[in-house]
Each structure stands twice: as C-alpha cells, then as structure tokens.
C-alpha cells in the first residue's frame, strides 16, 4: 500500500501503517534526507533477512541502522568515542553515517558486522516520526542491488513490489546524494565514503579525521 504523506490524512494513516508493519516484522519504504530507504525492525532477525532478500543482498552486506534521536545511539554502543559524539552533535539529524562498535549485549542479527554498526539519524520529519515509535531500524536504499536508488516511493515500489508492506510517499528527495560515512572504530577517524557532508566540514569538528585520499 502506498500512502501520500503530502496529504495530512494520508500521512497520518501511512505513518500508523508503517509503525504497525515494522512492529509486526514487515518491511516499509520511507523517505529520508538522501534517498528513499527500505527498512525493518533492527531487532527482528527474520525482518532484516527479508530486507536483504528484497534488495538481493547477502549477510556480508549488513544494512545501516537509522535512529530517531541522538540518545538512542548511547543504547547501541558499549562506549562511544568522543569524536563520534562530537560529529553526531554537529551533523545529526543529517547526512552523516558513523561506524562504531556496537554493544556485545545487543539482541540483534543484522548480518556479518564484525561487531560494528553504521548509524545515522536522518533529517526528514516522516522518517523521524516513524523511528521515534519503532526504535532503531535497519534501513538500506530502497532499490534492488545494481539498480539506481529510488528518489520517490513510487520508484521504490516499481523495484520492490509486494515485498514491502507500506510505502510512504513524500515526493522526490530534495538532495539525492548519499550520506558521508565515517569510521570511528580505529585510533584515527577516517572517511569511508564521500557524500553530502564534505571533509572540510568534518574537520571543523574533528581536525584529525582522515579523508579517503589520506588512507591510500
């Protein structure tokens, strides 16, 4: 079912349907500030497996996790590096994904992560409204692997079809550039993927962060 969240009534129905679907272990497509994402409850292993199957991926490509507040991040990690907290404070909600070591006590299985998780808080009101009710969601770009990322829910539905319970349409993504990914699991923070937030802005917050070129 596709809900047009540009209509107040449809938005309320769509968000309620998406929240119910996630809590039931089903898949949803929702807008973010980058591209549309396909999401599932991060703590329901069969839902995460269904997400990977829908995209045509295996366990060696674990999805990132989206959260609805900065406080949620503290519950996912054993010890948050100072640089991670500074970056989250500066750029969340927004197009920054940080890779941190997740708490070993977490009861989840999002794939072969080697004890790490990529986390982001998106800057989109619909996504945040859903996430604040569902808790952390495993979310990947709403497309089949090898196909272009969807910039509307309708585009996502053309690729993913009936594997998704609820599609939340909010119009074309305003800036379909992927998030910048920063790895904070080593001694020195380093950029893994250049994206919407440039290296210069990251270095304004964490001066010693390494760019992709620095690691070569």
N, C-alpha and C. Protein backbone atom coordinates (compact mmCIF):
# COMPACT_ATOMS: atom_id res chain seq x y z
N UNK A 1 0.84 -1.19 0.00
CA UNK A 1 0.00 0.00 0.00
C UNK A 1 0.88 1.25 0.00
N UNK A 2 0.56 2.20 -0.88
CA UNK A 2 1.32 3.45 -0.93
C UNK A 2 0.48 4.57 -0.33
N UNK A 3 1.09 5.32 0.58
CA UNK A 3 0.42 6.43 1.25
C UNK A 3 1.12 7.73 0.85
N UNK A 4 0.34 8.72 0.44
CA UNK A 4 0.90 10.00 0.05
C UNK A 4 0.97 10.91 1.27
N UNK A 5 2.16 11.03 1.83
CA UNK A 5 2.34 11.78 3.07
C UNK A 5 2.31 13.29 2.86
N UNK A 6 2.09 13.72 1.62
CA UNK A 6 1.90 15.14 1.37
C UNK A 6 0.48 15.57 1.70
N UNK A 7 -0.40 14.58 1.90
CA UNK A 7 -1.76 14.82 2.38
C UNK A 7 -1.80 14.53 3.87
N UNK A 8 -2.38 15.43 4.66
CA UNK A 8 -2.38 15.27 6.11
C UNK A 8 -3.03 13.96 6.53
N UNK A 9 -4.20 13.67 5.97
CA UNK A 9 -4.92 12.45 6.35
C UNK A 9 -4.14 11.21 5.95
N UNK A 10 -3.63 11.21 4.71
CA UNK A 10 -2.89 10.04 4.24
C UNK A 10 -1.58 9.89 5.01
N UNK A 11 -0.98 11.01 5.39
CA UNK A 11 0.25 10.96 6.18
C UNK A 11 0.01 10.26 7.50
N UNK A 12 -1.04 10.62 8.19
CA UNK A 12 -1.35 10.00 9.49
C UNK A 12 -1.60 8.51 9.32
N UNK A 13 -2.38 8.16 8.30
CA UNK A 13 -2.66 6.73 8.06
C UNK A 13 -1.39 5.98 7.68
N UNK A 14 -0.58 6.61 6.84
CA UNK A 14 0.64 5.96 6.38
C UNK A 14 1.64 5.73 7.49
N UNK A 15 1.84 6.73 8.32
CA UNK A 15 2.79 6.59 9.43
C UNK A 15 2.31 5.52 10.40
N UNK A 16 1.01 5.50 10.68
CA UNK A 16 0.46 4.48 11.57
C UNK A 16 0.65 3.09 10.97
N UNK A 17 0.41 2.97 9.65
CA UNK A 17 0.56 1.67 8.98
C UNK A 17 2.01 1.23 8.98
N UNK A 18 2.92 2.18 8.77
CA UNK A 18 4.34 1.83 8.75
C UNK A 18 4.81 1.37 10.12
N UNK A 19 4.39 2.08 11.16
CA UNK A 19 4.78 1.70 12.52
C UNK A 19 4.26 0.29 12.84
N UNK A 20 3.01 0.03 12.49
CA UNK A 20 2.44 -1.30 12.75
C UNK A 20 3.19 -2.37 11.96
N UNK A 21 3.52 -2.08 10.71
CA UNK A 21 4.22 -3.05 9.88
C UNK A 21 5.59 -3.38 10.47
N UNK A 22 6.34 -2.36 10.89
CA UNK A 22 7.67 -2.59 11.45
C UNK A 22 7.56 -3.43 12.72
N UNK A 23 6.60 -3.10 13.57
CA UNK A 23 6.44 -3.86 14.82
C UNK A 23 6.00 -5.30 14.56
N UNK A 24 5.40 -5.54 13.39
CA UNK A 24 4.99 -6.91 13.02
C UNK A 24 6.07 -7.65 12.23
N UNK A 25 7.24 -7.03 12.09
CA UNK A 25 8.33 -7.68 11.39
C UNK A 25 8.26 -7.59 9.89
N UNK A 26 7.47 -6.62 9.37
CA UNK A 26 7.34 -6.44 7.93
C UNK A 26 8.20 -5.27 7.46
N UNK A 27 8.29 -5.11 6.14
CA UNK A 27 9.14 -4.10 5.54
C UNK A 27 8.35 -2.85 5.17
N UNK A 28 9.02 -1.70 5.26
CA UNK A 28 8.41 -0.44 4.85
C UNK A 28 9.43 0.33 4.01
N UNK A 29 8.91 1.24 3.20
CA UNK A 29 9.75 2.19 2.47
C UNK A 29 9.39 3.57 2.97
N UNK A 30 10.41 4.35 3.33
CA UNK A 30 10.18 5.68 3.88
C UNK A 30 11.17 6.68 3.31
N UNK A 31 10.80 7.96 3.28
CA UNK A 31 11.71 8.98 2.77
C UNK A 31 12.78 9.32 3.79
N UNK A 32 13.94 9.70 3.30
CA UNK A 32 14.97 10.27 4.17
C UNK A 32 15.46 11.55 3.50
N UNK A 33 16.46 12.17 4.09
CA UNK A 33 17.01 13.39 3.51
C UNK A 33 18.00 13.10 2.39
N UNK A 34 18.29 11.84 2.11
CA UNK A 34 19.17 11.49 1.00
C UNK A 34 18.33 10.79 -0.08
N UNK A 35 18.16 9.48 0.03
CA UNK A 35 17.28 8.75 -0.89
C UNK A 35 16.25 7.98 -0.06
N UNK A 36 15.28 7.37 -0.73
CA UNK A 36 14.29 6.57 -0.01
C UNK A 36 14.95 5.30 0.52
N UNK A 37 14.49 4.86 1.68
CA UNK A 37 15.07 3.68 2.31
C UNK A 37 14.04 2.58 2.49
N UNK A 38 14.51 1.34 2.43
CA UNK A 38 13.68 0.18 2.79
C UNK A 38 14.12 -0.23 4.18
N UNK A 39 13.15 -0.35 5.10
CA UNK A 39 13.50 -0.55 6.50
C UNK A 39 12.78 -1.69 7.17
N UNK A 40 13.38 -2.17 8.26
CA UNK A 40 12.82 -3.25 9.07
C UNK A 40 13.28 -3.04 10.50
N UNK A 41 12.58 -3.64 11.44
CA UNK A 41 12.98 -3.59 12.84
C UNK A 41 14.37 -4.21 12.99
N UNK A 42 15.31 -3.45 13.52
CA UNK A 42 16.69 -3.92 13.64
C UNK A 42 16.83 -5.11 14.58
N UNK A 43 15.84 -5.31 15.47
CA UNK A 43 15.93 -6.38 16.46
C UNK A 43 15.08 -7.60 16.09
N UNK A 44 14.59 -7.65 14.85
CA UNK A 44 13.83 -8.81 14.38
C UNK A 44 14.61 -9.45 13.25
N UNK A 45 15.40 -10.52 13.55
CA UNK A 45 16.30 -11.09 12.55
C UNK A 45 15.61 -11.50 11.24
N UNK A 46 14.41 -12.08 11.32
CA UNK A 46 13.77 -12.51 10.07
C UNK A 46 13.35 -11.32 9.22
N UNK A 47 13.07 -10.18 9.88
CA UNK A 47 12.72 -8.97 9.12
C UNK A 47 13.95 -8.41 8.41
N UNK A 48 15.09 -8.43 9.09
CA UNK A 48 16.33 -7.97 8.46
C UNK A 48 16.69 -8.90 7.30
N UNK A 49 16.49 -10.20 7.48
CA UNK A 49 16.76 -11.16 6.39
C UNK A 49 15.85 -10.87 5.20
N UNK A 50 14.58 -10.55 5.48
CA UNK A 50 13.65 -10.22 4.40
C UNK A 50 14.09 -8.96 3.66
N UNK A 51 14.64 -7.99 4.40
CA UNK A 51 15.15 -6.77 3.78
C UNK A 51 16.29 -7.10 2.82
N UNK A 52 17.24 -7.89 3.29
CA UNK A 52 18.37 -8.26 2.44
C UNK A 52 17.90 -9.04 1.22
N UNK A 53 16.93 -9.93 1.41
CA UNK A 53 16.39 -10.69 0.29
C UNK A 53 15.70 -9.79 -0.73
N UNK A 54 14.96 -8.80 -0.23
CA UNK A 54 14.24 -7.88 -1.13
C UNK A 54 15.22 -7.10 -1.99
N UNK A 55 16.37 -6.74 -1.41
CA UNK A 55 17.38 -6.00 -2.16
C UNK A 55 18.26 -6.89 -3.03
N UNK A 56 18.27 -8.19 -2.72
CA UNK A 56 19.17 -9.09 -3.43
C UNK A 56 20.57 -9.08 -2.87
N UNK A 57 20.67 -8.92 -1.54
CA UNK A 57 21.97 -8.90 -0.87
C UNK A 57 22.09 -10.07 0.10
N UNK A 58 23.35 -10.34 0.52
CA UNK A 58 23.56 -11.40 1.50
C UNK A 58 24.00 -10.80 2.83
N UNK A 59 24.31 -11.66 3.78
CA UNK A 59 24.65 -11.23 5.14
C UNK A 59 25.97 -10.46 5.20
N UNK A 60 26.76 -10.55 4.13
CA UNK A 60 28.05 -9.85 4.13
C UNK A 60 27.89 -8.37 3.76
N UNK A 61 26.65 -7.94 3.53
CA UNK A 61 26.37 -6.53 3.27
C UNK A 61 25.31 -6.05 4.26
N UNK A 62 25.67 -5.97 5.55
CA UNK A 62 24.68 -5.59 6.56
C UNK A 62 24.18 -4.16 6.35
N UNK A 63 22.90 -3.92 6.59
CA UNK A 63 22.35 -2.58 6.39
C UNK A 63 22.74 -1.64 7.53
N UNK A 64 22.78 -0.35 7.26
CA UNK A 64 22.95 0.63 8.33
C UNK A 64 21.72 0.63 9.23
N UNK A 65 21.85 1.28 10.37
CA UNK A 65 20.73 1.42 11.31
C UNK A 65 20.38 2.90 11.45
N UNK A 66 19.10 3.22 11.29
CA UNK A 66 18.63 4.58 11.49
C UNK A 66 18.00 4.71 12.87
N UNK A 67 18.22 5.86 13.50
CA UNK A 67 17.67 6.12 14.83
C UNK A 67 16.89 7.44 14.80
N UNK A 68 15.98 7.57 15.75
CA UNK A 68 15.12 8.74 15.79
C UNK A 68 15.59 9.83 16.74
N UNK A 69 16.67 9.57 17.50
CA UNK A 69 17.21 10.59 18.39
C UNK A 69 18.67 10.29 18.68
N UNK A 70 19.41 11.31 19.06
CA UNK A 70 20.82 11.10 19.40
C UNK A 70 20.97 10.23 20.63
N UNK A 71 20.02 10.31 21.55
CA UNK A 71 20.10 9.49 22.78
C UNK A 71 20.08 8.00 22.47
N UNK A 72 19.38 7.63 21.41
CA UNK A 72 19.29 6.21 21.05
C UNK A 72 20.67 5.63 20.76
N UNK A 73 21.56 6.45 20.24
CA UNK A 73 22.91 5.98 19.93
C UNK A 73 23.61 5.42 21.16
N UNK A 74 23.41 6.06 22.30
CA UNK A 74 24.07 5.60 23.53
C UNK A 74 23.65 4.18 23.91
N UNK A 75 22.42 3.82 23.55
CA UNK A 75 21.94 2.48 23.88
C UNK A 75 22.46 1.39 22.96
N UNK A 76 23.11 1.79 21.87
CA UNK A 76 23.58 0.80 20.89
C UNK A 76 25.06 0.48 21.03
N UNK A 77 25.78 1.32 21.78
CA UNK A 77 27.23 1.14 21.87
C UNK A 77 27.65 0.90 23.31
N UNK A 78 28.79 0.20 23.45
CA UNK A 78 29.34 -0.05 24.79
C UNK A 78 30.03 1.20 25.31
N UNK A 79 30.82 1.82 24.44
CA UNK A 79 31.50 3.06 24.80
C UNK A 79 31.60 3.92 23.54
N UNK A 80 31.03 5.12 23.59
CA UNK A 80 31.00 5.98 22.41
C UNK A 80 32.25 6.86 22.38
N UNK A 81 33.06 6.78 21.32
CA UNK A 81 34.24 7.65 21.23
C UNK A 81 33.82 9.13 21.25
N UNK A 82 34.69 9.96 21.82
CA UNK A 82 34.38 11.39 21.90
C UNK A 82 34.14 11.98 20.52
N UNK A 83 34.94 11.55 19.53
CA UNK A 83 34.78 12.08 18.17
C UNK A 83 33.42 11.73 17.60
N UNK A 84 32.91 10.54 17.92
CA UNK A 84 31.60 10.13 17.43
C UNK A 84 30.51 11.03 18.01
N UNK A 85 30.62 11.31 19.29
CA UNK A 85 29.63 12.18 19.93
C UNK A 85 29.69 13.60 19.35
N UNK A 86 30.91 14.09 19.12
CA UNK A 86 31.06 15.44 18.57
C UNK A 86 30.48 15.53 17.16
N UNK A 87 30.71 14.51 16.34
CA UNK A 87 30.18 14.51 14.98
C UNK A 87 28.66 14.40 14.97
N UNK A 88 28.12 13.55 15.84
CA UNK A 88 26.67 13.41 15.92
C UNK A 88 26.02 14.71 16.39
N UNK A 89 26.64 15.35 17.37
CA UNK A 89 26.10 16.62 17.85
C UNK A 89 26.11 17.68 16.77
N UNK A 90 27.12 17.64 15.91
CA UNK A 90 27.27 18.67 14.88
C UNK A 90 26.39 18.41 13.65
N UNK A 91 26.21 17.14 13.27
CA UNK A 91 25.60 16.86 11.97
C UNK A 91 24.31 16.04 12.02
N UNK A 92 23.87 15.65 13.20
CA UNK A 92 22.59 14.93 13.30
C UNK A 92 21.49 15.85 13.79
N UNK A 93 20.29 15.70 13.29
CA UNK A 93 19.94 14.84 12.15
C UNK A 93 20.54 15.38 10.86
N UNK A 94 20.96 14.47 9.99
CA UNK A 94 21.58 14.88 8.75
C UNK A 94 22.25 13.73 8.03
N UNK A 95 22.99 14.08 6.98
CA UNK A 95 23.52 13.08 6.05
C UNK A 95 24.91 12.59 6.47
N UNK A 96 25.05 12.20 7.72
CA UNK A 96 26.29 11.63 8.23
C UNK A 96 26.01 10.28 8.86
N UNK A 97 26.71 9.25 8.35
CA UNK A 97 26.65 7.91 8.93
C UNK A 97 27.95 7.66 9.67
N UNK A 98 27.86 7.21 10.92
CA UNK A 98 29.07 6.91 11.69
C UNK A 98 29.12 5.42 11.98
N UNK A 99 30.32 4.87 11.84
CA UNK A 99 30.53 3.45 12.11
C UNK A 99 31.20 3.33 13.47
N UNK A 100 30.54 2.62 14.39
CA UNK A 100 31.03 2.46 15.75
C UNK A 100 30.92 0.99 16.16
N UNK A 101 31.58 0.63 17.24
CA UNK A 101 31.45 -0.72 17.78
C UNK A 101 30.15 -0.81 18.57
N UNK A 102 29.31 -1.78 18.22
CA UNK A 102 28.04 -1.88 18.95
C UNK A 102 28.22 -2.70 20.22
N UNK A 103 27.29 -2.52 21.14
CA UNK A 103 27.36 -3.23 22.41
C UNK A 103 27.22 -4.73 22.17
N UNK A 104 28.10 -5.55 22.75
CA UNK A 104 28.01 -7.00 22.54
C UNK A 104 26.75 -7.62 23.15
N UNK A 105 26.07 -6.87 24.00
CA UNK A 105 24.86 -7.42 24.64
C UNK A 105 23.60 -7.24 23.80
N UNK A 106 23.70 -6.54 22.68
CA UNK A 106 22.51 -6.29 21.86
C UNK A 106 21.96 -7.60 21.30
N UNK A 107 20.65 -7.77 21.42
CA UNK A 107 19.99 -8.97 20.90
C UNK A 107 19.52 -8.69 19.48
N UNK A 108 20.47 -8.67 18.54
CA UNK A 108 20.08 -8.46 17.15
C UNK A 108 21.00 -9.24 16.24
N UNK A 109 20.62 -9.35 14.98
CA UNK A 109 21.45 -10.00 13.97
C UNK A 109 21.18 -9.28 12.65
N UNK A 110 22.04 -8.30 12.34
CA UNK A 110 21.84 -7.53 11.11
C UNK A 110 22.83 -7.95 10.03
N UNK A 111 23.51 -9.08 10.23
CA UNK A 111 24.45 -9.58 9.23
C UNK A 111 25.85 -9.67 9.80
N UNK A 112 26.81 -9.89 8.90
CA UNK A 112 28.21 -10.04 9.32
C UNK A 112 28.82 -8.65 9.53
N UNK A 113 28.76 -8.17 10.76
CA UNK A 113 29.17 -6.79 11.05
C UNK A 113 30.53 -6.69 11.72
N UNK A 114 31.10 -7.82 12.14
CA UNK A 114 32.37 -7.81 12.89
C UNK A 114 32.30 -6.92 14.12
N UNK A 115 31.12 -6.88 14.73
CA UNK A 115 30.96 -6.13 15.97
C UNK A 115 30.76 -4.65 15.79
N UNK A 116 30.55 -4.20 14.56
CA UNK A 116 30.35 -2.77 14.32
C UNK A 116 28.97 -2.51 13.74
N UNK A 117 28.56 -1.26 13.76
CA UNK A 117 27.29 -0.87 13.16
C UNK A 117 27.42 0.53 12.58
N UNK A 118 26.81 0.74 11.43
CA UNK A 118 26.76 2.06 10.80
C UNK A 118 25.44 2.72 11.20
N UNK A 119 25.50 3.87 11.84
CA UNK A 119 24.30 4.50 12.42
C UNK A 119 24.11 5.91 11.86
N UNK A 120 22.84 6.27 11.64
CA UNK A 120 22.53 7.61 11.16
C UNK A 120 21.18 8.06 11.71
N UNK A 121 21.04 9.35 11.93
CA UNK A 121 19.77 9.97 12.27
C UNK A 121 19.38 10.88 11.11
N UNK A 122 18.37 10.50 10.32
CA UNK A 122 18.04 11.26 9.12
C UNK A 122 17.29 12.55 9.41
N UNK A 123 17.48 13.52 8.53
CA UNK A 123 16.79 14.80 8.67
C UNK A 123 15.56 14.79 7.77
N UNK A 124 14.54 14.05 8.21
CA UNK A 124 13.26 14.04 7.48
C UNK A 124 12.15 13.81 8.49
N UNK A 125 11.13 14.66 8.52
CA UNK A 125 10.10 14.56 9.55
C UNK A 125 9.33 13.25 9.53
N UNK A 126 9.06 12.71 8.35
CA UNK A 126 8.31 11.45 8.27
C UNK A 126 9.15 10.31 8.84
N UNK A 127 10.41 10.24 8.42
CA UNK A 127 11.29 9.18 8.93
C UNK A 127 11.44 9.27 10.44
N UNK A 128 11.64 10.48 10.95
CA UNK A 128 11.82 10.65 12.39
C UNK A 128 10.57 10.27 13.17
N UNK A 129 9.41 10.59 12.62
CA UNK A 129 8.17 10.25 13.31
C UNK A 129 8.00 8.74 13.43
N UNK A 130 8.36 8.03 12.36
CA UNK A 130 8.29 6.56 12.39
C UNK A 130 9.33 6.01 13.37
N UNK A 131 10.56 6.48 13.27
CA UNK A 131 11.65 5.94 14.08
C UNK A 131 11.45 6.17 15.57
N UNK A 132 10.83 7.27 15.93
CA UNK A 132 10.62 7.54 17.35
C UNK A 132 9.61 6.57 17.96
N UNK A 133 8.80 5.95 17.13
CA UNK A 133 7.84 4.96 17.63
C UNK A 133 8.37 3.54 17.52
N UNK A 134 9.16 3.27 16.49
CA UNK A 134 9.61 1.89 16.26
C UNK A 134 10.92 1.58 16.98
N UNK A 135 11.71 2.61 17.27
CA UNK A 135 13.07 2.35 17.72
C UNK A 135 13.98 2.11 16.54
N UNK A 136 15.23 1.70 16.77
CA UNK A 136 16.21 1.56 15.69
C UNK A 136 15.71 0.63 14.58
N UNK A 137 15.92 1.08 13.34
CA UNK A 137 15.54 0.30 12.17
C UNK A 137 16.74 0.05 11.28
N UNK A 138 16.85 -1.18 10.79
CA UNK A 138 17.81 -1.47 9.74
C UNK A 138 17.24 -0.90 8.44
N UNK A 139 17.99 -0.01 7.80
CA UNK A 139 17.49 0.68 6.61
C UNK A 139 18.58 0.75 5.56
N UNK A 140 18.23 0.34 4.34
CA UNK A 140 19.13 0.45 3.21
C UNK A 140 18.41 1.19 2.10
N UNK A 141 19.14 1.62 1.08
CA UNK A 141 18.49 2.34 -0.01
C UNK A 141 17.42 1.46 -0.65
N UNK A 142 16.30 2.08 -1.02
CA UNK A 142 15.11 1.33 -1.47
C UNK A 142 15.22 1.00 -2.95
N UNK A 143 16.08 0.06 -3.25
CA UNK A 143 16.27 -0.38 -4.64
C UNK A 143 16.84 -1.78 -4.64
N UNK A 144 16.68 -2.47 -5.76
CA UNK A 144 17.35 -3.73 -5.96
C UNK A 144 18.84 -3.47 -6.16
N UNK A 145 19.68 -4.35 -5.64
CA UNK A 145 21.12 -4.20 -5.80
C UNK A 145 21.46 -4.11 -7.29
N UNK A 146 22.24 -3.08 -7.63
CA UNK A 146 22.62 -2.87 -9.02
C UNK A 146 21.74 -1.90 -9.76
N UNK A 147 20.58 -1.56 -9.17
CA UNK A 147 19.66 -0.60 -9.77
C UNK A 147 19.86 0.77 -9.10
N UNK A 148 19.45 1.85 -9.76
CA UNK A 148 19.62 3.17 -9.15
C UNK A 148 18.75 3.33 -7.91
N UNK A 149 19.24 4.04 -6.89
CA UNK A 149 18.44 4.29 -5.69
C UNK A 149 17.16 5.05 -6.04
N UNK A 150 16.09 4.70 -5.34
CA UNK A 150 14.80 5.35 -5.59
C UNK A 150 14.78 6.73 -4.95
N UNK A 151 14.27 7.72 -5.70
CA UNK A 151 14.14 9.07 -5.15
C UNK A 151 12.67 9.43 -4.90
N UNK A 152 11.76 8.46 -5.16
CA UNK A 152 10.36 8.57 -4.73
C UNK A 152 9.93 7.19 -4.27
N UNK A 153 8.84 7.15 -3.49
CA UNK A 153 8.31 5.86 -3.05
C UNK A 153 7.77 5.07 -4.24
N UNK A 154 7.23 5.79 -5.23
CA UNK A 154 6.71 5.12 -6.42
C UNK A 154 7.83 4.39 -7.16
N UNK A 155 8.99 5.03 -7.28
CA UNK A 155 10.14 4.36 -7.91
C UNK A 155 10.54 3.12 -7.11
N UNK A 156 10.50 3.23 -5.80
CA UNK A 156 10.85 2.09 -4.95
C UNK A 156 9.87 0.94 -5.16
N UNK A 157 8.57 1.28 -5.27
CA UNK A 157 7.56 0.23 -5.46
C UNK A 157 7.75 -0.49 -6.78
N UNK A 158 8.19 0.24 -7.81
CA UNK A 158 8.43 -0.41 -9.10
C UNK A 158 9.52 -1.47 -9.00
N UNK A 159 10.49 -1.26 -8.10
CA UNK A 159 11.58 -2.23 -7.95
C UNK A 159 11.28 -3.32 -6.92
N UNK A 160 10.61 -2.94 -5.83
CA UNK A 160 10.49 -3.85 -4.69
C UNK A 160 9.13 -4.53 -4.58
N UNK A 161 8.11 -3.94 -5.21
CA UNK A 161 6.80 -4.58 -5.31
C UNK A 161 6.18 -5.00 -3.99
N UNK A 162 5.70 -6.25 -3.97
CA UNK A 162 4.93 -6.74 -2.82
C UNK A 162 5.79 -7.21 -1.65
N UNK A 163 7.10 -7.07 -1.77
CA UNK A 163 7.95 -7.45 -0.63
C UNK A 163 7.84 -6.44 0.51
N UNK A 164 7.28 -5.26 0.20
CA UNK A 164 7.14 -4.18 1.18
C UNK A 164 5.67 -3.99 1.53
N UNK A 165 5.39 -3.85 2.83
CA UNK A 165 4.00 -3.71 3.30
C UNK A 165 3.48 -2.29 3.10
N UNK A 166 4.27 -1.27 3.44
CA UNK A 166 3.80 0.11 3.37
C UNK A 166 4.86 1.00 2.72
N UNK A 167 4.41 1.79 1.74
CA UNK A 167 5.27 2.77 1.08
C UNK A 167 4.81 4.16 1.50
N UNK A 168 5.73 4.97 2.01
CA UNK A 168 5.41 6.33 2.42
C UNK A 168 5.99 7.30 1.38
N UNK A 169 5.08 7.92 0.61
CA UNK A 169 5.49 8.85 -0.43
C UNK A 169 5.52 10.27 0.12
N UNK A 170 6.64 10.96 -0.08
CA UNK A 170 6.75 12.36 0.35
C UNK A 170 7.30 13.23 -0.76
N UNK A 171 7.19 12.75 -2.01
CA UNK A 171 7.72 13.49 -3.13
C UNK A 171 9.18 13.19 -3.38
N UNK A 172 9.75 13.75 -4.45
CA UNK A 172 11.15 13.48 -4.78
C UNK A 172 12.10 13.95 -3.68
N UNK A 173 13.17 13.19 -3.48
CA UNK A 173 14.19 13.58 -2.50
C UNK A 173 14.79 14.92 -2.90
N UNK A 174 14.90 15.85 -1.97
CA UNK A 174 15.42 17.18 -2.31
C UNK A 174 16.89 17.17 -2.70
N UNK A 175 17.66 16.23 -2.18
CA UNK A 175 19.10 16.20 -2.44
C UNK A 175 19.57 14.76 -2.43
N UNK A 176 19.35 14.01 -3.53
CA UNK A 176 19.64 12.57 -3.53
C UNK A 176 21.13 12.24 -3.61
N UNK A 177 21.88 12.79 -2.67
CA UNK A 177 23.31 12.48 -2.54
C UNK A 177 23.46 11.58 -1.32
N UNK A 178 24.20 10.48 -1.42
CA UNK A 178 24.32 9.59 -0.26
C UNK A 178 25.00 10.26 0.92
N UNK A 179 24.79 9.69 2.08
CA UNK A 179 25.42 10.23 3.29
C UNK A 179 26.92 10.00 3.26
N UNK A 180 27.63 10.86 3.95
CA UNK A 180 29.06 10.65 4.19
C UNK A 180 29.21 9.60 5.30
N UNK A 181 30.11 8.66 5.11
CA UNK A 181 30.33 7.61 6.12
C UNK A 181 31.70 7.81 6.76
N UNK A 182 31.73 7.85 8.10
CA UNK A 182 32.97 8.00 8.85
C UNK A 182 33.15 6.81 9.78
N UNK A 183 34.30 6.17 9.70
CA UNK A 183 34.64 5.03 10.56
C UNK A 183 35.32 5.55 11.83
N UNK A 184 34.71 5.22 12.98
CA UNK A 184 35.25 5.67 14.26
C UNK A 184 35.68 4.50 15.14
N UNK A 185 35.99 3.38 14.50
CA UNK A 185 36.36 2.19 15.27
C UNK A 185 37.87 2.07 15.46
N UNK A 186 38.65 2.88 14.76
CA UNK A 186 40.11 2.82 14.89
C UNK A 186 40.64 3.97 15.72
N UNK A 187 41.96 4.08 15.75
CA UNK A 187 42.58 5.14 16.55
C UNK A 187 42.33 6.52 15.94
N UNK A 188 42.25 6.57 14.61
CA UNK A 188 42.03 7.85 13.92
C UNK A 188 40.75 7.75 13.11
N UNK A 189 39.80 8.67 13.27
CA UNK A 189 38.58 8.65 12.45
C UNK A 189 38.93 8.79 10.98
N UNK A 190 38.22 8.07 10.12
CA UNK A 190 38.51 8.18 8.69
C UNK A 190 37.23 8.07 7.87
N UNK A 191 37.22 8.77 6.76
CA UNK A 191 36.08 8.76 5.86
C UNK A 191 36.11 7.48 5.02
N UNK A 192 34.99 6.75 5.01
CA UNK A 192 34.88 5.56 4.18
C UNK A 192 34.18 5.86 2.86
N UNK A 193 33.27 6.84 2.89
CA UNK A 193 32.56 7.22 1.67
C UNK A 193 32.34 8.73 1.68
N UNK A 194 32.76 9.39 0.63
CA UNK A 194 32.49 10.81 0.49
C UNK A 194 31.04 10.99 0.06
N UNK A 195 30.34 11.89 0.73
CA UNK A 195 28.93 12.08 0.43
C UNK A 195 28.52 13.52 0.61
N UNK A 196 27.33 13.69 1.19
CA UNK A 196 26.71 15.01 1.26
C UNK A 196 27.48 15.99 2.15
N UNK A 197 28.19 15.49 3.16
CA UNK A 197 28.93 16.38 4.06
C UNK A 197 30.41 16.32 3.68
N UNK A 198 30.98 17.44 3.23
CA UNK A 198 32.37 17.42 2.77
C UNK A 198 33.37 17.27 3.91
N UNK A 199 34.56 16.81 3.54
CA UNK A 199 35.62 16.57 4.51
C UNK A 199 35.97 17.84 5.29
N UNK A 200 35.94 18.99 4.62
CA UNK A 200 36.31 20.24 5.29
C UNK A 200 35.40 20.51 6.48
N UNK A 201 34.10 20.25 6.31
CA UNK A 201 33.16 20.49 7.41
C UNK A 201 33.39 19.50 8.54
N UNK A 202 33.71 18.25 8.20
CA UNK A 202 34.01 17.26 9.24
C UNK A 202 35.23 17.68 10.04
N UNK A 203 36.24 18.21 9.34
CA UNK A 203 37.47 18.60 10.03
C UNK A 203 37.28 19.85 10.90
N UNK A 204 36.24 20.62 10.63
CA UNK A 204 35.93 21.73 11.53
C UNK A 204 35.56 21.22 12.93
N UNK A 205 35.05 19.98 12.98
CA UNK A 205 34.62 19.38 14.25
C UNK A 205 35.68 18.43 14.79
N UNK A 206 36.23 17.60 13.92
CA UNK A 206 37.27 16.62 14.30
C UNK A 206 38.47 16.85 13.38
N UNK A 207 39.42 17.69 13.78
CA UNK A 207 40.51 18.11 12.89
C UNK A 207 41.37 16.97 12.35
N UNK A 208 41.52 15.87 13.10
CA UNK A 208 42.45 14.82 12.67
C UNK A 208 41.80 13.75 11.80
N UNK A 209 40.57 13.97 11.35
CA UNK A 209 39.89 12.96 10.56
C UNK A 209 40.59 12.77 9.22
N UNK A 210 40.74 11.51 8.80
CA UNK A 210 41.42 11.20 7.55
C UNK A 210 40.41 11.10 6.42
N UNK A 211 40.75 11.70 5.26
CA UNK A 211 39.94 11.54 4.07
C UNK A 211 40.30 10.26 3.36
N UNK A 212 39.55 9.95 2.32
CA UNK A 212 39.81 8.73 1.55
C UNK A 212 41.21 8.77 0.94
N UNK A 213 41.63 9.93 0.43
CA UNK A 213 42.94 10.05 -0.19
C UNK A 213 44.07 9.83 0.83
N UNK A 214 43.82 10.26 2.09
CA UNK A 214 44.84 10.12 3.13
C UNK A 214 45.16 8.67 3.43
N UNK A 215 44.16 7.79 3.22
CA UNK A 215 44.33 6.39 3.59
C UNK A 215 45.05 5.60 2.51
N UNK A 216 45.26 6.22 1.35
CA UNK A 216 45.90 5.48 0.26
C UNK A 216 47.40 5.42 0.39
